[in-house]
Amino acid sequence: MDLRNPERKMSKSIPESCLFLDDPQEVIKKKIRTAVTDEAGRKNLEFIYESLGFQKPAPELNHDLKDAITLELLSLLRNVSK
C-alpha cells in the first residue's frame, strides 16, 4: 500500500508513495522514515515488516518499526545487486 496514503495502492506514477528496487539507499530511508503512521499506515508498515520475513512481533514504537524495515530492506537489496 501507498506509504503516504495507506488507503491506496502504491503507484509508480507517484514515486514518493512507493519503493523502487533501484531507489538509492538514502531515498529508501527517507521514504520509510516519512511513511504515515496512523492506524492504516501502521498496518501497512507491519505488513511490509512481515513480508520481509520477520518472525518476531513488530516493534511497538513507530520509529523502531521503520528502522527495522529500513535495515532489512537495504540488506536484501544489497544482496540482490551483487
PDB file of N, CA and C in Angstrom:
ATOM      1  N   MET A   1       0.829  -1.172   0.000  1.00  0.00           N
ATOM      2  CA  MET A   1       0.000   0.000   0.000  1.00  0.00           C
ATOM      3  C   MET A   1       0.886   1.254   0.000  1.00  0.00           C
ATOM      4  N   ASP A   2       0.292   2.325  -0.395  1.00  0.00           N
ATOM      5  CA  ASP A   2       0.943   3.627  -0.516  1.00  0.00           C
ATOM      6  C   ASP A   2       1.549   4.041   0.829  1.00  0.00           C
ATOM      7  N   LEU A   3       2.795   4.507   0.823  1.00  0.00           N
ATOM      8  CA  LEU A   3       3.460   4.913   2.060  1.00  0.00           C
ATOM      9  C   LEU A   3       2.914   6.221   2.621  1.00  0.00           C
ATOM     10  N   ARG A   4       2.330   7.044   1.769  1.00  0.00           N
ATOM     11  CA  ARG A   4       1.796   8.341   2.206  1.00  0.00           C
ATOM     12  C   ARG A   4       0.300   8.309   2.448  1.00  0.00           C
ATOM     13  N   ASN A   5      -0.405   7.457   1.727  1.00  0.00           N
ATOM     14  CA  ASN A   5      -1.852   7.314   1.874  1.00  0.00           C
ATOM     15  C   ASN A   5      -2.169   5.826   1.857  1.00  0.00           C
ATOM     16  N   PRO A   6      -2.143   5.175   3.017  1.00  0.00           N
ATOM     17  CA  PRO A   6      -2.269   3.726   3.094  1.00  0.00           C
ATOM     18  C   PRO A   6      -3.594   3.162   2.580  1.00  0.00           C
ATOM     19  N   GLU A   7      -4.529   4.024   2.273  1.00  0.00           N
ATOM     20  CA  GLU A   7      -5.804   3.556   1.733  1.00  0.00           C
ATOM     21  C   GLU A   7      -5.684   3.266   0.232  1.00  0.00           C
ATOM     22  N   ARG A   8      -4.593   3.712  -0.395  1.00  0.00           N
ATOM     23  CA  ARG A   8      -4.379   3.496  -1.831  1.00  0.00           C
ATOM     24  C   ARG A   8      -3.244   2.507  -2.043  1.00  0.00           C
ATOM     25  N   LYS A   9      -3.217   1.932  -3.227  1.00  0.00           N
ATOM     26  CA  LYS A   9      -2.102   1.075  -3.616  1.00  0.00           C
ATOM     27  C   LYS A   9      -0.914   1.954  -3.994  1.00  0.00           C
ATOM     28  N   MET A  10       0.290   1.386  -3.872  1.00  0.00           N
ATOM     29  CA  MET A  10       1.468   2.100  -4.339  1.00  0.00           C
ATOM     30  C   MET A  10       1.329   2.309  -5.837  1.00  0.00           C
ATOM     31  N   SER A  11       1.825   3.437  -6.303  1.00  0.00           N
ATOM     32  CA  SER A  11       1.707   3.760  -7.720  1.00  0.00           C
ATOM     33  C   SER A  11       3.014   4.328  -8.236  1.00  0.00           C
ATOM     34  N   LYS A  12       3.510   3.762  -9.338  1.00  0.00           N
ATOM     35  CA  LYS A  12       4.753   4.289  -9.898  1.00  0.00           C
ATOM     36  C   LYS A  12       4.579   5.706 -10.443  1.00  0.00           C
ATOM     37  N   SER A  13       3.338   6.117 -10.657  1.00  0.00           N
ATOM     38  CA  SER A  13       3.105   7.493 -11.128  1.00  0.00           C
ATOM     39  C   SER A  13       3.228   8.506  -9.987  1.00  0.00           C
ATOM     40  N   ILE A  14       3.299   8.006  -8.739  1.00  0.00           N
ATOM     41  CA  ILE A  14       3.537   8.862  -7.570  1.00  0.00           C
ATOM     42  C   ILE A  14       4.780   8.289  -6.876  1.00  0.00           C
ATOM     43  N   PRO A  15       5.969   8.611  -7.379  1.00  0.00           N
ATOM     44  CA  PRO A  15       7.192   7.965  -6.912  1.00  0.00           C
ATOM     45  C   PRO A  15       7.453   8.051  -5.409  1.00  0.00           C
ATOM     46  N   GLU A  16       7.029   9.146  -4.770  1.00  0.00           N
ATOM     47  CA  GLU A  16       7.286   9.270  -3.328  1.00  0.00           C
ATOM     48  C   GLU A  16       6.393   8.360  -2.500  1.00  0.00           C
ATOM     49  N   SER A  17       5.412   7.729  -3.133  1.00  0.00           N
ATOM     50  CA  SER A  17       4.472   6.878  -2.405  1.00  0.00           C
ATOM     51  C   SER A  17       4.894   5.426  -2.361  1.00  0.00           C
ATOM     52  N   CYS A  18       5.928   5.071  -3.109  1.00  0.00           N
ATOM     53  CA  CYS A  18       6.293   3.659  -3.182  1.00  0.00           C
ATOM     54  C   CYS A  18       7.805   3.482  -3.191  1.00  0.00           C
ATOM     55  N   LEU A  19       8.217   2.246  -3.044  1.00  0.00           N
ATOM     56  CA  LEU A  19       9.634   1.902  -3.038  1.00  0.00           C
ATOM     57  C   LEU A  19       9.984   1.230  -4.357  1.00  0.00           C
ATOM     58  N   PHE A  20      11.066   1.662  -4.969  1.00  0.00           N
ATOM     59  CA  PHE A  20      11.558   1.049  -6.197  1.00  0.00           C
ATOM     60  C   PHE A  20      12.847   0.302  -5.884  1.00  0.00           C
ATOM     61  N   LEU A  21      13.059  -0.822  -6.532  1.00  0.00           N
ATOM     62  CA  LEU A  21      14.267  -1.602  -6.289  1.00  0.00           C
ATOM     63  C   LEU A  21      15.535  -0.826  -6.622  1.00  0.00           C
ATOM     64  N   ASP A  22      15.439   0.119  -7.536  1.00  0.00           N
ATOM     65  CA  ASP A  22      16.624   0.885  -7.909  1.00  0.00           C
ATOM     66  C   ASP A  22      16.715   2.249  -7.225  1.00  0.00           C
ATOM     67  N   ASP A  23      15.860   2.499  -6.241  1.00  0.00           N
ATOM     68  CA  ASP A  23      15.980   3.733  -5.456  1.00  0.00           C
ATOM     69  C   ASP A  23      17.316   3.728  -4.721  1.00  0.00           C
ATOM     70  N   PRO A  24      18.002   4.860  -4.670  1.00  0.00           N
ATOM     71  CA  PRO A  24      19.213   4.952  -3.852  1.00  0.00           C
ATOM     72  C   PRO A  24      18.871   4.707  -2.367  1.00  0.00           C
ATOM     73  N   GLN A  25      19.845   4.244  -1.620  1.00  0.00           N
ATOM     74  CA  GLN A  25      19.627   3.939  -0.199  1.00  0.00           C
ATOM     75  C   GLN A  25      19.035   5.112   0.556  1.00  0.00           C
ATOM     76  N   GLU A  26      19.555   6.302   0.341  1.00  0.00           N
ATOM     77  CA  GLU A  26      19.059   7.474   1.074  1.00  0.00           C
ATOM     78  C   GLU A  26      17.601   7.766   0.741  1.00  0.00           C
ATOM     79  N   VAL A  27      17.200   7.508  -0.478  1.00  0.00           N
ATOM     80  CA  VAL A  27      15.809   7.727  -0.875  1.00  0.00           C
ATOM     81  C   VAL A  27      14.904   6.709  -0.185  1.00  0.00           C
ATOM     82  N   ILE A  28      15.338   5.458  -0.147  1.00  0.00           N
ATOM     83  CA  ILE A  28      14.568   4.423   0.545  1.00  0.00           C
ATOM     84  C   ILE A  28      14.424   4.781   2.021  1.00  0.00           C
ATOM     85  N   LYS A  29      15.516   5.183   2.643  1.00  0.00           N
ATOM     86  CA  LYS A  29      15.468   5.571   4.058  1.00  0.00           C
ATOM     87  C   LYS A  29      14.472   6.705   4.279  1.00  0.00           C
ATOM     88  N   LYS A  30      14.520   7.707   3.419  1.00  0.00           N
ATOM     89  CA  LYS A  30      13.630   8.861   3.574  1.00  0.00           C
ATOM     90  C   LYS A  30      12.171   8.457   3.379  1.00  0.00           C
ATOM     91  N   LYS A  31      11.893   7.642   2.376  1.00  0.00           N
ATOM     92  CA  LYS A  31      10.519   7.222   2.116  1.00  0.00           C
ATOM     93  C   LYS A  31       9.943   6.446   3.299  1.00  0.00           C
ATOM     94  N   ILE A  32      10.731   5.554   3.865  1.00  0.00           N
ATOM     95  CA  ILE A  32      10.244   4.779   5.010  1.00  0.00           C
ATOM     96  C   ILE A  32      10.128   5.672   6.243  1.00  0.00           C
ATOM     97  N   ARG A  33      11.110   6.524   6.449  1.00  0.00           N
ATOM     98  CA  ARG A  33      11.099   7.423   7.609  1.00  0.00           C
ATOM     99  C   ARG A  33       9.889   8.359   7.596  1.00  0.00           C
ATOM    100  N   THR A  34       9.445   8.768   6.403  1.00  0.00           N
ATOM    101  CA  THR A  34       8.329   9.705   6.306  1.00  0.00           C
ATOM    102  C   THR A  34       6.987   9.005   6.050  1.00  0.00           C
ATOM    103  N   ALA A  35       6.972   7.687   6.102  1.00  0.00           N
ATOM    104  CA  ALA A  35       5.719   6.953   5.896  1.00  0.00           C
ATOM    105  C   ALA A  35       4.707   7.315   6.984  1.00  0.00           C
ATOM    106  N   VAL A  36       3.452   7.362   6.600  1.00  0.00           N
ATOM    107  CA  VAL A  36       2.357   7.681   7.523  1.00  0.00           C
ATOM    108  C   VAL A  36       2.255   6.590   8.584  1.00  0.00           C
ATOM    109  N   THR A  37       1.962   6.992   9.831  1.00  0.00           N
ATOM    110  CA  THR A  37       1.850   6.013  10.910  1.00  0.00           C
ATOM    111  C   THR A  37       0.522   6.119  11.663  1.00  0.00           C
ATOM    112  N   ASP A  38      -0.532   6.553  10.961  1.00  0.00           N
ATOM    113  CA  ASP A  38      -1.850   6.463  11.587  1.00  0.00           C
ATOM    114  C   ASP A  38      -2.223   4.977  11.636  1.00  0.00           C
ATOM    115  N   GLU A  39      -3.435   4.640  11.984  1.00  0.00           N
ATOM    116  CA  GLU A  39      -3.791   3.222  12.134  1.00  0.00           C
ATOM    117  C   GLU A  39      -3.576   2.436  10.842  1.00  0.00           C
ATOM    118  N   ALA A  40      -4.038   2.965   9.725  1.00  0.00           N
ATOM    119  CA  ALA A  40      -3.870   2.275   8.440  1.00  0.00           C
ATOM    120  C   ALA A  40      -2.398   2.229   8.036  1.00  0.00           C
ATOM    121  N   GLY A  41      -1.667   3.314   8.288  1.00  0.00           N
ATOM    122  CA  GLY A  41      -0.252   3.359   7.965  1.00  0.00           C
ATOM    123  C   GLY A  41       0.552   2.368   8.781  1.00  0.00           C
ATOM    124  N   ARG A  42       0.213   2.249  10.044  1.00  0.00           N
ATOM    125  CA  ARG A  42       0.888   1.286  10.923  1.00  0.00           C
ATOM    126  C   ARG A  42       0.660  -0.140  10.416  1.00  0.00           C
ATOM    127  N   LYS A  43      -0.579  -0.447  10.034  1.00  0.00           N
ATOM    128  CA  LYS A  43      -0.876  -1.782   9.494  1.00  0.00           C
ATOM    129  C   LYS A  43      -0.077  -2.035   8.222  1.00  0.00           C
ATOM    130  N   ASN A  44       0.043  -1.016   7.388  1.00  0.00           N
ATOM    131  CA  ASN A  44       0.828  -1.119   6.156  1.00  0.00           C
ATOM    132  C   ASN A  44       2.291  -1.428   6.483  1.00  0.00           C
ATOM    133  N   LEU A  45       2.861  -0.711   7.434  1.00  0.00           N
ATOM    134  CA  LEU A  45       4.253  -0.949   7.820  1.00  0.00           C
ATOM    135  C   LEU A  45       4.427  -2.332   8.438  1.00  0.00           C
ATOM    136  N   GLU A  46       3.450  -2.768   9.224  1.00  0.00           N
ATOM    137  CA  GLU A  46       3.524  -4.114   9.801  1.00  0.00           C
ATOM    138  C   GLU A  46       3.465  -5.174   8.708  1.00  0.00           C
ATOM    139  N   PHE A  47       2.668  -4.940   7.666  1.00  0.00           N
ATOM    140  CA  PHE A  47       2.602  -5.871   6.545  1.00  0.00           C
ATOM    141  C   PHE A  47       3.956  -5.943   5.832  1.00  0.00           C
ATOM    142  N   ILE A  48       4.576  -4.797   5.605  1.00  0.00           N
ATOM    143  CA  ILE A  48       5.902  -4.774   4.978  1.00  0.00           C
ATOM    144  C   ILE A  48       6.900  -5.524   5.861  1.00  0.00           C
ATOM    145  N   TYR A  49       6.841  -5.264   7.156  1.00  0.00           N
ATOM    146  CA  TYR A  49       7.728  -5.914   8.132  1.00  0.00           C
ATOM    147  C   TYR A  49       7.598  -7.433   8.041  1.00  0.00           C
ATOM    148  N   GLU A  50       6.367  -7.930   8.059  1.00  0.00           N
ATOM    149  CA  GLU A  50       6.121  -9.371   7.981  1.00  0.00           C
ATOM    150  C   GLU A  50       6.541  -9.930   6.627  1.00  0.00           C
ATOM    151  N   SER A  51       6.334  -9.158   5.571  1.00  0.00           N
ATOM    152  CA  SER A  51       6.704  -9.608   4.227  1.00  0.00           C
ATOM    153  C   SER A  51       8.214  -9.734   4.060  1.00  0.00           C
ATOM    154  N   LEU A  52       8.964  -9.021   4.859  1.00  0.00           N
ATOM    155  CA  LEU A  52      10.419  -9.113   4.821  1.00  0.00           C
ATOM    156  C   LEU A  52      10.928 -10.351   5.547  1.00  0.00           C
ATOM    157  N   GLY A  53      10.019 -11.117   6.145  1.00  0.00           N
ATOM    158  CA  GLY A  53      10.396 -12.385   6.756  1.00  0.00           C
ATOM    159  C   GLY A  53      10.626 -12.354   8.246  1.00  0.00           C
ATOM    160  N   PHE A  54      10.325 -11.245   8.900  1.00  0.00           N
ATOM    161  CA  PHE A  54      10.490 -11.188  10.350  1.00  0.00           C
ATOM    162  C   PHE A  54       9.524 -12.163  11.016  1.00  0.00           C
ATOM    163  N   GLN A  55      10.033 -12.947  11.946  1.00  0.00           N
ATOM    164  CA  GLN A  55       9.222 -13.914  12.669  1.00  0.00           C
ATOM    165  C   GLN A  55       8.722 -13.381  14.011  1.00  0.00           C
ATOM    166  N   LYS A  56       9.415 -12.389  14.534  1.00  0.00           N
ATOM    167  CA  LYS A  56       9.030 -11.836  15.836  1.00  0.00           C
ATOM    168  C   LYS A  56       7.999 -10.722  15.649  1.00  0.00           C
ATOM    169  N   PRO A  57       7.276 -10.391  16.709  1.00  0.00           N
ATOM    170  CA  PRO A  57       6.284  -9.307  16.604  1.00  0.00           C
ATOM    171  C   PRO A  57       6.947  -7.984  16.210  1.00  0.00           C
ATOM    172  N   ALA A  58       6.192  -7.160  15.521  1.00  0.00           N
ATOM    173  CA  ALA A  58       6.698  -5.851  15.102  1.00  0.00           C
ATOM    174  C   ALA A  58       6.978  -4.991  16.331  1.00  0.00           C
ATOM    175  N   PRO A  59       8.048  -4.181  16.277  1.00  0.00           N
ATOM    176  CA  PRO A  59       8.324  -3.264  17.391  1.00  0.00           C
ATOM    177  C   PRO A  59       7.125  -2.346  17.647  1.00  0.00           C
ATOM    178  N   GLU A  60       6.913  -2.012  18.911  1.00  0.00           N
ATOM    179  CA  GLU A  60       5.768  -1.179  19.273  1.00  0.00           C
ATOM    180  C   GLU A  60       5.940   0.278  18.857  1.00  0.00           C
ATOM    181  N   LEU A  61       7.143   0.785  18.936  1.00  0.00           N
ATOM    182  CA  LEU A  61       7.380   2.185  18.581  1.00  0.00           C
ATOM    183  C   LEU A  61       7.534   2.320  17.073  1.00  0.00           C
ATOM    184  N   ASN A  62       6.876   3.316  16.508  1.00  0.00           N
ATOM    185  CA  ASN A  62       6.900   3.500  15.056  1.00  0.00           C
ATOM    186  C   ASN A  62       8.312   3.682  14.511  1.00  0.00           C
ATOM    187  N   HIS A  63       9.137   4.470  15.209  1.00  0.00           N
ATOM    188  CA  HIS A  63      10.484   4.693  14.671  1.00  0.00           C
ATOM    189  C   HIS A  63      11.317   3.407  14.710  1.00  0.00           C
ATOM    190  N   ASP A  64      11.087   2.548  15.702  1.00  0.00           N
ATOM    191  CA  ASP A  64      11.795   1.263  15.750  1.00  0.00           C
ATOM    192  C   ASP A  64      11.330   0.353  14.615  1.00  0.00           C
ATOM    193  N   LEU A  65      10.041   0.372  14.327  1.00  0.00           N
ATOM    194  CA  LEU A  65       9.495  -0.419  13.226  1.00  0.00           C
ATOM    195  C   LEU A  65      10.083   0.061  11.898  1.00  0.00           C
ATOM    196  N   LYS A  66      10.101   1.358  11.692  1.00  0.00           N
ATOM    197  CA  LYS A  66      10.655   1.917  10.457  1.00  0.00           C
ATOM    198  C   LYS A  66      12.139   1.586  10.328  1.00  0.00           C
ATOM    199  N   ASP A  67      12.885   1.664  11.427  1.00  0.00           N
ATOM    200  CA  ASP A  67      14.318   1.322  11.401  1.00  0.00           C
ATOM    201  C   ASP A  67      14.526  -0.141  11.025  1.00  0.00           C
ATOM    202  N   ALA A  68      13.729  -1.042  11.597  1.00  0.00           N
ATOM    203  CA  ALA A  68      13.860  -2.470  11.300  1.00  0.00           C
ATOM    204  C   ALA A  68      13.563  -2.745   9.827  1.00  0.00           C
ATOM    205  N   ILE A  69      12.513  -2.126   9.304  1.00  0.00           N
ATOM    206  CA  ILE A  69      12.166  -2.294   7.888  1.00  0.00           C
ATOM    207  C   ILE A  69      13.295  -1.779   7.012  1.00  0.00           C
ATOM    208  N   THR A  70      13.782  -0.595   7.320  1.00  0.00           N
ATOM    209  CA  THR A  70      14.841   0.019   6.515  1.00  0.00           C
ATOM    210  C   THR A  70      16.085  -0.855   6.479  1.00  0.00           C
ATOM    211  N   LEU A  71      16.546  -1.300   7.636  1.00  0.00           N
ATOM    212  CA  LEU A  71      17.771  -2.108   7.689  1.00  0.00           C
ATOM    213  C   LEU A  71      17.618  -3.412   6.920  1.00  0.00           C
ATOM    214  N   GLU A  72      16.495  -4.092   7.089  1.00  0.00           N
ATOM    215  CA  GLU A  72      16.299  -5.374   6.420  1.00  0.00           C
ATOM    216  C   GLU A  72      16.143  -5.185   4.916  1.00  0.00           C
ATOM    217  N   LEU A  73      15.381  -4.198   4.516  1.00  0.00           N
ATOM    218  CA  LEU A  73      15.173  -3.952   3.086  1.00  0.00           C
ATOM    219  C   LEU A  73      16.481  -3.590   2.393  1.00  0.00           C
ATOM    220  N   LEU A  74      17.265  -2.720   2.999  1.00  0.00           N
ATOM    221  CA  LEU A  74      18.544  -2.342   2.397  1.00  0.00           C
ATOM    222  C   LEU A  74      19.495  -3.531   2.335  1.00  0.00           C
ATOM    223  N   SER A  75      19.461  -4.376   3.342  1.00  0.00           N
ATOM    224  CA  SER A  75      20.291  -5.579   3.339  1.00  0.00           C
ATOM    225  C   SER A  75      19.880  -6.515   2.195  1.00  0.00           C
ATOM    226  N   LEU A  76      18.593  -6.714   2.035  1.00  0.00           N
ATOM    227  CA  LEU A  76      18.108  -7.566   0.944  1.00  0.00           C
ATOM    228  C   LEU A  76      18.479  -6.986  -0.418  1.00  0.00           C
ATOM    229  N   LEU A  77      18.329  -5.690  -0.581  1.00  0.00           N
ATOM    230  CA  LEU A  77      18.644  -5.071  -1.867  1.00  0.00           C
ATOM    231  C   LEU A  77      20.136  -5.131  -2.174  1.00  0.00           C
ATOM    232  N   ARG A  78      20.977  -5.024  -1.152  1.00  0.00           N
ATOM    233  CA  ARG A  78      22.420  -5.166  -1.365  1.00  0.00           C
ATOM    234  C   ARG A  78      22.742  -6.574  -1.872  1.00  0.00           C
ATOM    235  N   ASN A  79      22.081  -7.577  -1.293  1.00  0.00           N
ATOM    236  CA  ASN A  79      22.323  -8.961  -1.704  1.00  0.00           C
ATOM    237  C   ASN A  79      21.823  -9.221  -3.123  1.00  0.00           C
ATOM    238  N   VAL A  80      20.737  -8.591  -3.506  1.00  0.00           N
ATOM    239  CA  VAL A  80      20.180  -8.756  -4.853  1.00  0.00           C
ATOM    240  C   VAL A  80      21.100  -8.116  -5.893  1.00  0.00           C
ATOM    241  N   SER A  81      21.692  -6.989  -5.540  1.00  0.00           N
ATOM    242  CA  SER A  81      22.511  -6.257  -6.506  1.00  0.00           C
ATOM    243  C   SER A  81      23.893  -6.870  -6.710  1.00  0.00           C
ATOM    244  N   LYS A  82      24.250  -7.850  -5.913  1.00  0.00           N
ATOM    245  CA  LYS A  82      25.589  -8.483  -6.040  1.00  0.00           C
ATOM    246  C   LYS A  82      25.621  -9.425  -7.216  1.00  0.00           C
TER     247      LYS A  82
END
